[in-house]
Amino acid sequence: MAAIFQQGENTQSEWKNAKAEYDKADDHLVIMGKPVMERWETPFMHKMADIATSKGGRILEIGFGLGISANRIQTASNLTEHVIIEMNEEVFERLKDFEKTAKTKVTPLKGKWQEVVPSLEDASFDGIFYDTYPLGESEWHTHQFNFIREHGFRLLKSGGILTYCNITSYGVLVKEKFNYDVRKMFEESQIPELEKIGFKRENMSYEVVQVTPDPQCRYYDHKELVAPKIVKQ
């Protein structure tokens, strides 16, 4: 796999208004030449959506993409509100279309999560699903921790559930550092960071999900992914 970002690359100033390229089958989303999401991720997205909604209630989702996880979240029987943050203008238009047909109330919020999330109240969500795209080389492997550290912990109610992923990072880590052992990758590269933020090890678990990446996928080439369940206590 070729590197997704070149050294020092930063797309933050252009990402908002960049063209969102969906292929004819609606199986791939590319922005600024970056492979943002692909349909083969569906079983993984569904598992994380089920984790995020396992307590029902009010759910925060960051990143809309192909809408795979958003559609799954809407199937939760005890969902009360589905807040979704999306930065890219064209993807946001698809999110607004999704809002019109959603079974349960959707609240679309436009902008970078760094700009939108500070206005959200503490302890106001029962579940959080974080799956946004890194906007530069400097945050490629760390952007999920930036969100969780600055806002994720505070936004969850006591007993609330966080799930997240950073597939473009996992693809590099599992191949180059962990010999395709996704469990070791998660336990050694993710859990210590979550503990630093304030989550307790005994409140962290994960499931290994079987996936079949497209042979041409540029960011992941392994048959397993890790879906975490992080509980705030």
C-alpha atoms as a PDB file:
ATOM      1  CA  MET A   1       0.000   0.000   0.000  1.00  0.00           C
ATOM      2  CA  ALA A   2       1.235   3.471  -0.873  1.00  0.00           C
ATOM      3  CA  ALA A   3       1.298   6.146   1.831  1.00  0.00           C
ATOM      4  CA  ILE A   4      -1.999   8.040   2.089  1.00  0.00           C
ATOM      5  CA  PHE A   5      -0.218  11.250   3.113  1.00  0.00           C
ATOM      6  CA  GLN A   6       3.130  12.636   2.139  1.00  0.00           C
ATOM      7  CA  GLN A   7       5.387  14.118   4.805  1.00  0.00           C
ATOM      8  CA  GLY A   8       4.043  17.478   5.944  1.00  0.00           C
ATOM      9  CA  GLU A   9       0.874  17.232   3.804  1.00  0.00           C
ATOM     10  CA  ASN A  10      -2.138  19.128   5.171  1.00  0.00           C
ATOM     11  CA  THR A  11      -5.592  19.286   3.567  1.00  0.00           C
ATOM     12  CA  GLN A  12      -7.470  21.219   6.278  1.00  0.00           C
ATOM     13  CA  SER A  13      -7.913  24.479   4.357  1.00  0.00           C
ATOM     14  CA  GLU A  14      -9.280  22.733   1.251  1.00  0.00           C
ATOM     15  CA  TRP A  15     -11.268  19.783   2.554  1.00  0.00           C
ATOM     16  CA  LYS A  16     -14.492  21.653   3.325  1.00  0.00           C
ATOM     17  CA  ASN A  17     -15.131  22.730  -0.267  1.00  0.00           C
ATOM     18  CA  ALA A  18     -13.383  19.875  -2.071  1.00  0.00           C
ATOM     19  CA  LYS A  19     -15.389  17.738  -4.476  1.00  0.00           C
ATOM     20  CA  ALA A  20     -16.780  14.537  -2.971  1.00  0.00           C
ATOM     21  CA  GLU A  21     -16.408  11.868  -5.641  1.00  0.00           C
ATOM     22  CA  TYR A  22     -18.849   8.967  -5.286  1.00  0.00           C
ATOM     23  CA  ASP A  23     -18.543   6.207  -7.864  1.00  0.00           C
ATOM     24  CA  LYS A  24     -21.552   5.047  -9.908  1.00  0.00           C
ATOM     25  CA  ALA A  25     -22.250   2.090  -7.628  1.00  0.00           C
ATOM     26  CA  ASP A  26     -21.938   4.311  -4.538  1.00  0.00           C
ATOM     27  CA  ASP A  27     -19.286   1.945  -3.206  1.00  0.00           C
ATOM     28  CA  HIS A  28     -16.359   4.377  -2.965  1.00  0.00           C
ATOM     29  CA  LEU A  29     -15.921   7.940  -1.717  1.00  0.00           C
ATOM     30  CA  VAL A  30     -12.805   9.887  -2.698  1.00  0.00           C
ATOM     31  CA  ILE A  31     -12.006  13.467  -1.642  1.00  0.00           C
ATOM     32  CA  MET A  32      -8.869  15.273  -2.845  1.00  0.00           C
ATOM     33  CA  GLY A  33      -7.593  11.956  -4.164  1.00  0.00           C
ATOM     34  CA  LYS A  34      -7.894  10.361  -0.706  1.00  0.00           C
ATOM     35  CA  PRO A  35      -9.867   7.103  -0.315  1.00  0.00           C
ATOM     36  CA  VAL A  36     -12.262   8.194   2.413  1.00  0.00           C
ATOM     37  CA  MET A  37     -14.594   5.186   2.580  1.00  0.00           C
ATOM     38  CA  GLU A  38     -15.412   1.978   0.715  1.00  0.00           C
ATOM     39  CA  ARG A  39     -18.435  -0.294   0.828  1.00  0.00           C
ATOM     40  CA  TRP A  40     -16.451  -3.365   1.962  1.00  0.00           C
ATOM     41  CA  GLU A  41     -16.287  -1.715   5.403  1.00  0.00           C
ATOM     42  CA  THR A  42     -20.019  -2.434   5.915  1.00  0.00           C
ATOM     43  CA  PRO A  43     -19.802  -5.315   8.446  1.00  0.00           C
ATOM     44  CA  PHE A  44     -17.291  -3.336  10.499  1.00  0.00           C
ATOM     45  CA  MET A  45     -19.387  -0.145  10.374  1.00  0.00           C
ATOM     46  CA  HIS A  46     -22.485  -2.108  11.362  1.00  0.00           C
ATOM     47  CA  LYS A  47     -20.745  -3.685  14.346  1.00  0.00           C
ATOM     48  CA  MET A  48     -19.556  -0.303  15.622  1.00  0.00           C
ATOM     49  CA  ALA A  49     -22.990   1.225  15.066  1.00  0.00           C
ATOM     50  CA  ASP A  50     -24.517  -1.581  17.135  1.00  0.00           C
ATOM     51  CA  ILE A  51     -21.973  -0.933  19.888  1.00  0.00           C
ATOM     52  CA  ALA A  52     -22.637   2.814  19.906  1.00  0.00           C
ATOM     53  CA  THR A  53     -26.413   2.306  20.139  1.00  0.00           C
ATOM     54  CA  SER A  54     -26.391  -0.576  22.617  1.00  0.00           C
ATOM     55  CA  LYS A  55     -27.807   1.696  25.341  1.00  0.00           C
ATOM     56  CA  GLY A  56     -30.082   3.570  22.936  1.00  0.00           C
ATOM     57  CA  GLY A  57     -30.812   7.211  23.655  1.00  0.00           C
ATOM     58  CA  ARG A  58     -28.951  10.136  22.126  1.00  0.00           C
ATOM     59  CA  ILE A  59     -26.083   9.278  19.764  1.00  0.00           C
ATOM     60  CA  LEU A  60     -23.309  11.479  18.369  1.00  0.00           C
ATOM     61  CA  GLU A  61     -21.768  10.395  15.075  1.00  0.00           C
ATOM     62  CA  ILE A  62     -18.746  12.207  13.659  1.00  0.00           C
ATOM     63  CA  GLY A  63     -18.232  11.727   9.935  1.00  0.00           C
ATOM     64  CA  PHE A  64     -20.994  10.711   7.477  1.00  0.00           C
ATOM     65  CA  GLY A  65     -19.088   9.348   4.459  1.00  0.00           C
ATOM     66  CA  LEU A  66     -21.172   6.795   2.572  1.00  0.00           C
ATOM     67  CA  GLY A  67     -23.788   6.774   5.333  1.00  0.00           C
ATOM     68  CA  ILE A  68     -23.198   3.099   6.114  1.00  0.00           C
ATOM     69  CA  SER A  69     -23.059   3.505   9.882  1.00  0.00           C
ATOM     70  CA  ALA A  70     -25.720   6.224   9.931  1.00  0.00           C
ATOM     71  CA  ASN A  71     -28.239   3.919   8.283  1.00  0.00           C
ATOM     72  CA  ARG A  72     -27.409   1.177  10.772  1.00  0.00           C
ATOM     73  CA  ILE A  73     -27.726   3.522  13.739  1.00  0.00           C
ATOM     74  CA  GLN A  74     -31.224   4.427  12.572  1.00  0.00           C
ATOM     75  CA  THR A  75     -32.308   0.803  12.968  1.00  0.00           C
ATOM     76  CA  ALA A  76     -31.767   0.936  16.758  1.00  0.00           C
ATOM     77  CA  SER A  77     -35.164   0.492  18.413  1.00  0.00           C
ATOM     78  CA  ASN A  78     -34.519   2.778  21.366  1.00  0.00           C
ATOM     79  CA  LEU A  79     -32.748   5.639  19.560  1.00  0.00           C
ATOM     80  CA  THR A  80     -34.062   9.082  20.536  1.00  0.00           C
ATOM     81  CA  GLU A  81     -31.790  11.469  18.591  1.00  0.00           C
ATOM     82  CA  HIS A  82     -28.981  11.046  16.081  1.00  0.00           C
ATOM     83  CA  VAL A  83     -26.581  14.003  15.939  1.00  0.00           C
ATOM     84  CA  ILE A  84     -24.194  13.873  12.959  1.00  0.00           C
ATOM     85  CA  ILE A  85     -21.239  16.172  12.276  1.00  0.00           C
ATOM     86  CA  GLU A  86     -19.855  16.461   8.741  1.00  0.00           C
ATOM     87  CA  MET A  87     -17.289  18.921   7.399  1.00  0.00           C
ATOM     88  CA  ASN A  88     -17.325  18.479   3.617  1.00  0.00           C
ATOM     89  CA  GLU A  89     -20.007  20.554   1.854  1.00  0.00           C
ATOM     90  CA  GLU A  90     -21.022  17.929  -0.712  1.00  0.00           C
ATOM     91  CA  VAL A  91     -21.111  15.095   1.810  1.00  0.00           C
ATOM     92  CA  PHE A  92     -23.196  17.350   4.059  1.00  0.00           C
ATOM     93  CA  GLU A  93     -25.760  17.713   1.272  1.00  0.00           C
ATOM     94  CA  ARG A  94     -26.139  13.932   1.255  1.00  0.00           C
ATOM     95  CA  LEU A  95     -26.500  14.047   5.020  1.00  0.00           C
ATOM     96  CA  LYS A  96     -29.383  16.520   4.668  1.00  0.00           C
ATOM     97  CA  ASP A  97     -31.098  14.125   2.242  1.00  0.00           C
ATOM     98  CA  PHE A  98     -30.594  11.348   4.781  1.00  0.00           C
ATOM     99  CA  GLU A  99     -32.221  13.500   7.464  1.00  0.00           C
ATOM    100  CA  LYS A 100     -35.411  13.803   5.390  1.00  0.00           C
ATOM    101  CA  THR A 101     -36.050  10.058   5.309  1.00  0.00           C
ATOM    102  CA  ALA A 102     -34.611   8.997   8.679  1.00  0.00           C
ATOM    103  CA  LYS A 103     -36.931   7.127  11.038  1.00  0.00           C
ATOM    104  CA  THR A 104     -35.628   8.861  14.172  1.00  0.00           C
ATOM    105  CA  LYS A 105     -34.717  12.518  14.575  1.00  0.00           C
ATOM    106  CA  VAL A 106     -31.440  13.474  12.884  1.00  0.00           C
ATOM    107  CA  THR A 107     -29.636  16.697  13.803  1.00  0.00           C
ATOM    108  CA  PRO A 108     -27.045  17.515  11.111  1.00  0.00           C
ATOM    109  CA  LEU A 109     -24.228  19.853  12.165  1.00  0.00           C
ATOM    110  CA  LYS A 110     -21.868  21.241   9.531  1.00  0.00           C
ATOM    111  CA  GLY A 111     -18.195  21.950  10.132  1.00  0.00           C
ATOM    112  CA  LYS A 112     -14.979  20.537  11.528  1.00  0.00           C
ATOM    113  CA  TRP A 113     -15.583  18.684  14.746  1.00  0.00           C
ATOM    114  CA  GLN A 114     -13.023  20.982  16.372  1.00  0.00           C
ATOM    115  CA  GLU A 115     -15.349  23.913  15.656  1.00  0.00           C
ATOM    116  CA  VAL A 116     -18.715  22.231  16.294  1.00  0.00           C
ATOM    117  CA  VAL A 117     -18.154  19.949  19.277  1.00  0.00           C
ATOM    118  CA  PRO A 118     -17.174  22.609  21.866  1.00  0.00           C
ATOM    119  CA  SER A 119     -20.773  23.875  21.798  1.00  0.00           C
ATOM    120  CA  LEU A 120     -22.192  20.477  22.792  1.00  0.00           C
ATOM    121  CA  GLU A 121     -23.061  20.010  26.461  1.00  0.00           C
ATOM    122  CA  ASP A 122     -21.185  17.789  28.891  1.00  0.00           C
ATOM    123  CA  ALA A 123     -22.711  14.379  29.661  1.00  0.00           C
ATOM    124  CA  SER A 124     -25.316  14.743  26.910  1.00  0.00           C
ATOM    125  CA  PHE A 125     -24.776  11.552  24.862  1.00  0.00           C
ATOM    126  CA  ASP A 126     -25.466   7.889  25.535  1.00  0.00           C
ATOM    127  CA  GLY A 127     -23.175   6.783  22.720  1.00  0.00           C
ATOM    128  CA  ILE A 128     -20.501   8.214  20.432  1.00  0.00           C
ATOM    129  CA  PHE A 129     -19.386   6.852  17.064  1.00  0.00           C
ATOM    130  CA  TYR A 130     -16.199   8.560  15.861  1.00  0.00           C
ATOM    131  CA  ASP A 131     -15.054   7.812  12.319  1.00  0.00           C
ATOM    132  CA  THR A 132     -13.763  10.874  10.539  1.00  0.00           C
ATOM    133  CA  TYR A 133     -10.883  11.184   8.101  1.00  0.00           C
ATOM    134  CA  PRO A 134      -7.450  12.569   9.016  1.00  0.00           C
ATOM    135  CA  LEU A 135      -6.811  15.932   7.383  1.00  0.00           C
ATOM    136  CA  GLY A 136      -3.047  15.756   7.285  1.00  0.00           C
ATOM    137  CA  GLU A 137       0.080  13.745   7.881  1.00  0.00           C
ATOM    138  CA  SER A 138       0.606  15.188  11.361  1.00  0.00           C
ATOM    139  CA  GLU A 139      -2.696  13.773  12.690  1.00  0.00           C
ATOM    140  CA  TRP A 140      -2.813  10.607  10.593  1.00  0.00           C
ATOM    141  CA  HIS A 141      -2.390   8.270  13.572  1.00  0.00           C
ATOM    142  CA  THR A 142      -3.614  10.498  16.394  1.00  0.00           C
ATOM    143  CA  HIS A 143      -6.747  12.461  15.433  1.00  0.00           C
ATOM    144  CA  GLN A 144      -9.057  10.031  17.242  1.00  0.00           C
ATOM    145  CA  PHE A 145      -7.190  10.605  20.500  1.00  0.00           C
ATOM    146  CA  ASN A 146      -7.378  14.375  20.028  1.00  0.00           C
ATOM    147  CA  PHE A 147     -11.175  14.157  19.891  1.00  0.00           C
ATOM    148  CA  ILE A 148     -11.500  11.680  22.752  1.00  0.00           C
ATOM    149  CA  ARG A 149      -9.104  13.638  24.972  1.00  0.00           C
ATOM    150  CA  GLU A 150     -10.611  17.062  24.321  1.00  0.00           C
ATOM    151  CA  HIS A 151     -14.302  16.174  24.138  1.00  0.00           C
ATOM    152  CA  GLY A 152     -15.215  12.493  23.900  1.00  0.00           C
ATOM    153  CA  PHE A 153     -14.884  11.737  27.586  1.00  0.00           C
ATOM    154  CA  ARG A 154     -16.778  14.829  28.737  1.00  0.00           C
ATOM    155  CA  LEU A 155     -19.641  14.397  26.247  1.00  0.00           C
ATOM    156  CA  LEU A 156     -20.561  10.907  27.438  1.00  0.00           C
ATOM    157  CA  LYS A 157     -23.028  10.340  30.219  1.00  0.00           C
ATOM    158  CA  SER A 158     -21.921   8.034  33.016  1.00  0.00           C
ATOM    159  CA  GLY A 159     -22.234   4.553  31.562  1.00  0.00           C
ATOM    160  CA  GLY A 160     -22.135   5.989  28.041  1.00  0.00           C
ATOM    161  CA  ILE A 161     -20.353   4.105  25.271  1.00  0.00           C
ATOM    162  CA  LEU A 162     -17.661   5.252  22.856  1.00  0.00           C
ATOM    163  CA  THR A 163     -16.621   3.408  19.734  1.00  0.00           C
ATOM    164  CA  TYR A 164     -14.210   4.679  17.114  1.00  0.00           C
ATOM    165  CA  CYS A 165     -11.842   3.746  14.339  1.00  0.00           C
ATOM    166  CA  ASN A 166      -8.971   5.138  12.303  1.00  0.00           C
ATOM    167  CA  ILE A 167      -8.692   2.624   9.483  1.00  0.00           C
ATOM    168  CA  THR A 168      -6.060   4.548   7.519  1.00  0.00           C
ATOM    169  CA  SER A 169      -3.845   4.381  10.600  1.00  0.00           C
ATOM    170  CA  TYR A 170      -4.680   0.769  11.432  1.00  0.00           C
ATOM    171  CA  GLY A 171      -3.734  -0.292   7.901  1.00  0.00           C
ATOM    172  CA  VAL A 172      -0.204   0.997   8.400  1.00  0.00           C
ATOM    173  CA  LEU A 173       0.215  -0.133  12.013  1.00  0.00           C
ATOM    174  CA  VAL A 174      -1.051  -3.682  11.581  1.00  0.00           C
ATOM    175  CA  LYS A 175       1.158  -4.237   8.546  1.00  0.00           C
ATOM    176  CA  GLU A 176       4.369  -2.454   9.514  1.00  0.00           C
ATOM    177  CA  LYS A 177       4.489  -2.837  13.306  1.00  0.00           C
ATOM    178  CA  PHE A 178       2.249  -5.705  14.419  1.00  0.00           C
ATOM    179  CA  ASN A 179       2.598  -8.407  11.758  1.00  0.00           C
ATOM    180  CA  TYR A 180      -1.148  -8.361  11.015  1.00  0.00           C
ATOM    181  CA  ASP A 181      -2.131  -9.043  14.633  1.00  0.00           C
ATOM    182  CA  VAL A 182      -5.082  -6.670  15.105  1.00  0.00           C
ATOM    183  CA  ARG A 183      -5.532  -7.577  18.768  1.00  0.00           C
ATOM    184  CA  LYS A 184      -1.941  -6.701  19.620  1.00  0.00           C
ATOM    185  CA  MET A 185      -2.200  -3.553  17.531  1.00  0.00           C
ATOM    186  CA  PHE A 186      -5.218  -2.349  19.481  1.00  0.00           C
ATOM    187  CA  GLU A 187      -3.919  -3.360  22.888  1.00  0.00           C
ATOM    188  CA  GLU A 188      -0.516  -1.739  22.412  1.00  0.00           C
ATOM    189  CA  SER A 189      -1.264   1.320  20.257  1.00  0.00           C
ATOM    190  CA  GLN A 190      -4.781   2.306  21.372  1.00  0.00           C
ATOM    191  CA  ILE A 191      -5.541   1.152  24.923  1.00  0.00           C
ATOM    192  CA  PRO A 192      -2.584   2.952  26.585  1.00  0.00           C
ATOM    193  CA  GLU A 193      -3.718   6.235  25.017  1.00  0.00           C
ATOM    194  CA  LEU A 194      -7.291   5.700  26.190  1.00  0.00           C
ATOM    195  CA  GLU A 195      -6.039   5.035  29.716  1.00  0.00           C
ATOM    196  CA  LYS A 196      -4.107   8.315  29.673  1.00  0.00           C
ATOM    197  CA  ILE A 197      -7.334  10.105  28.778  1.00  0.00           C
ATOM    198  CA  GLY A 198      -9.172   8.651  31.759  1.00  0.00           C
ATOM    199  CA  PHE A 199     -10.918   5.476  30.653  1.00  0.00           C
ATOM    200  CA  LYS A 200     -10.299   2.426  32.824  1.00  0.00           C
ATOM    201  CA  ARG A 201      -8.894  -0.762  31.328  1.00  0.00           C
ATOM    202  CA  GLU A 202     -11.629  -2.880  32.885  1.00  0.00           C
ATOM    203  CA  ASN A 203     -14.209  -0.789  30.995  1.00  0.00           C
ATOM    204  CA  MET A 204     -12.620  -1.416  27.589  1.00  0.00           C
ATOM    205  CA  SER A 205     -13.396  -4.351  25.344  1.00  0.00           C
ATOM    206  CA  TYR A 206     -13.400  -5.063  21.639  1.00  0.00           C
ATOM    207  CA  GLU A 207     -14.655  -7.465  19.018  1.00  0.00           C
ATOM    208  CA  VAL A 208     -12.701  -8.652  15.993  1.00  0.00           C
ATOM    209  CA  VAL A 209     -14.741  -8.264  12.810  1.00  0.00           C
ATOM    210  CA  GLN A 210     -14.079 -10.208   9.631  1.00  0.00           C
ATOM    211  CA  VAL A 211     -13.861  -8.057   6.497  1.00  0.00           C
ATOM    212  CA  THR A 212     -12.941  -8.511   2.838  1.00  0.00           C
ATOM    213  CA  PRO A 213     -11.184  -5.384   1.538  1.00  0.00           C
ATOM    214  CA  ASP A 214     -11.262  -4.685  -2.175  1.00  0.00           C
ATOM    215  CA  PRO A 215      -8.046  -5.943  -3.783  1.00  0.00           C
ATOM    216  CA  GLN A 216      -7.360  -2.381  -4.955  1.00  0.00           C
ATOM    217  CA  CYS A 217      -7.955  -0.806  -1.533  1.00  0.00           C
ATOM    218  CA  ARG A 218      -5.213   1.721  -0.806  1.00  0.00           C
ATOM    219  CA  TYR A 219      -5.538   1.866   2.974  1.00  0.00           C
ATOM    220  CA  TYR A 220      -6.271  -1.608   4.349  1.00  0.00           C
ATOM    221  CA  ASP A 221      -5.322  -5.118   3.208  1.00  0.00           C
ATOM    222  CA  HIS A 222      -6.096  -7.393   6.151  1.00  0.00           C
ATOM    223  CA  LYS A 223      -9.136  -9.605   6.841  1.00  0.00           C
ATOM    224  CA  GLU A 224      -9.794  -8.400  10.393  1.00  0.00           C
ATOM    225  CA  LEU A 225     -10.626  -5.088  12.100  1.00  0.00           C
ATOM    226  CA  VAL A 226     -11.174  -4.222  15.756  1.00  0.00           C
ATOM    227  CA  ALA A 227     -14.456  -2.682  16.950  1.00  0.00           C
ATOM    228  CA  PRO A 228     -13.948  -1.232  20.452  1.00  0.00           C
ATOM    229  CA  LYS A 229     -16.469  -0.686  23.214  1.00  0.00           C
ATOM    230  CA  ILE A 230     -15.252   1.924  25.690  1.00  0.00           C
ATOM    231  CA  VAL A 231     -17.524   2.634  28.665  1.00  0.00           C
ATOM    232  CA  LYS A 232     -17.322   5.768  30.782  1.00  0.00           C
ATOM    233  CA  GLN A 233     -17.595   4.956  34.490  1.00  0.00           C
END
